[in-house]
Amino acid sequence: MVEPNWDYFIHAPLDQGTIRFETKTERALHARVVAAEANWMQYQTCEQLTAFWFAKKDLEAFREGRAQARNSPG
């Protein structure tokens, strides 16, 4: 199974790589989506598909929360 390199996501600068992220949390959530998608493509099981859906949902919720925090007064 594909597993993100968590050490990289903890220590690497945010401006490294082809995709720019605002936070390390966002970058880690994105890595989780990519890994879950690769696992689903490889194994084609319902369990892997569910993990992929949850990973995408978590990333979308995080980004939505960040957008709301930026747009809220105060």
Protein backbone atom coordinates (compact mmCIF):
# COMPACT_ATOMS: atom_id res chain seq x y z
CA MET A 1 0.00 0.00 0.00
CA VAL A 2 1.06 3.56 -0.66
CA GLU A 3 1.73 5.60 2.47
CA PRO A 4 2.68 9.30 2.48
CA ASN A 5 6.17 10.21 3.68
CA TRP A 6 5.05 11.95 6.86
CA ASP A 7 8.59 13.04 7.78
CA TYR A 8 8.76 15.07 4.57
CA PHE A 9 5.42 16.73 5.27
CA ILE A 10 6.52 17.72 8.75
CA HIS A 11 9.93 19.14 7.86
CA ALA A 12 9.89 20.35 4.24
CA PRO A 13 9.25 24.06 3.55
CA LEU A 14 5.76 24.91 2.31
CA ASP A 15 7.05 26.59 -0.85
CA GLN A 16 8.73 23.39 -2.10
CA GLY A 17 7.15 21.23 -4.81
CA THR A 18 4.83 21.81 -7.74
CA ILE A 19 1.75 22.60 -5.63
CA ARG A 20 1.93 25.46 -3.14
CA PHE A 21 0.12 24.97 0.17
CA GLU A 22 -0.80 27.46 2.86
CA THR A 23 -0.24 25.07 5.76
CA LYS A 24 1.47 21.80 6.49
CA THR A 25 -1.91 20.38 7.44
CA GLU A 26 -3.28 21.11 3.98
CA ARG A 27 -0.21 19.52 2.39
CA ALA A 28 -0.56 16.39 4.54
CA LEU A 29 -4.27 16.10 3.76
CA HIS A 30 -3.48 16.41 0.04
CA ALA A 31 -0.85 13.67 0.36
CA ARG A 32 -3.43 11.47 2.07
CA VAL A 33 -5.81 11.99 -0.88
CA VAL A 34 -3.08 11.10 -3.39
CA ALA A 35 -2.05 7.98 -1.44
CA ALA A 36 -5.66 6.86 -0.97
CA GLU A 37 -6.35 7.31 -4.68
CA ALA A 38 -3.25 5.29 -5.61
CA ASN A 39 -4.28 2.53 -3.20
CA TRP A 40 -7.79 2.43 -4.62
CA MET A 41 -6.48 2.32 -8.20
CA GLN A 42 -4.15 -0.55 -7.30
CA TYR A 43 -6.44 -2.69 -5.14
CA GLN A 44 -9.93 -1.72 -6.39
CA THR A 45 -11.67 -2.58 -3.10
CA CYS A 46 -14.63 -0.88 -1.45
CA GLU A 47 -12.49 -0.26 1.62
CA GLN A 48 -9.88 1.62 -0.43
CA LEU A 49 -12.56 3.61 -2.27
CA THR A 50 -14.13 4.60 1.04
CA ALA A 51 -10.73 5.71 2.36
CA PHE A 52 -10.28 7.81 -0.80
CA TRP A 53 -13.71 9.43 -0.39
CA PHE A 54 -13.03 10.25 3.28
CA ALA A 55 -9.61 11.70 2.45
CA LYS A 56 -11.13 13.94 -0.26
CA LYS A 57 -13.93 14.99 2.08
CA ASP A 58 -11.43 15.87 4.85
CA LEU A 59 -9.33 18.00 2.47
CA GLU A 60 -12.41 19.79 1.12
CA ALA A 61 -13.68 20.46 4.65
CA PHE A 62 -10.29 21.83 5.70
CA ARG A 63 -10.11 24.14 2.69
CA GLU A 64 -13.68 25.31 3.21
CA GLY A 65 -12.95 26.06 6.87
CA ARG A 66 -9.84 28.04 5.93
CA ALA A 67 -11.83 30.03 3.36
CA GLN A 68 -14.54 30.81 5.91
CA ALA A 69 -11.94 31.89 8.46
CA ARG A 70 -10.35 34.24 5.92
CA ASN A 71 -13.71 35.76 4.97
CA SER A 72 -15.11 36.17 8.46
CA PRO A 73 -14.88 39.62 10.05
CA GLY A 74 -12.74 39.97 13.10
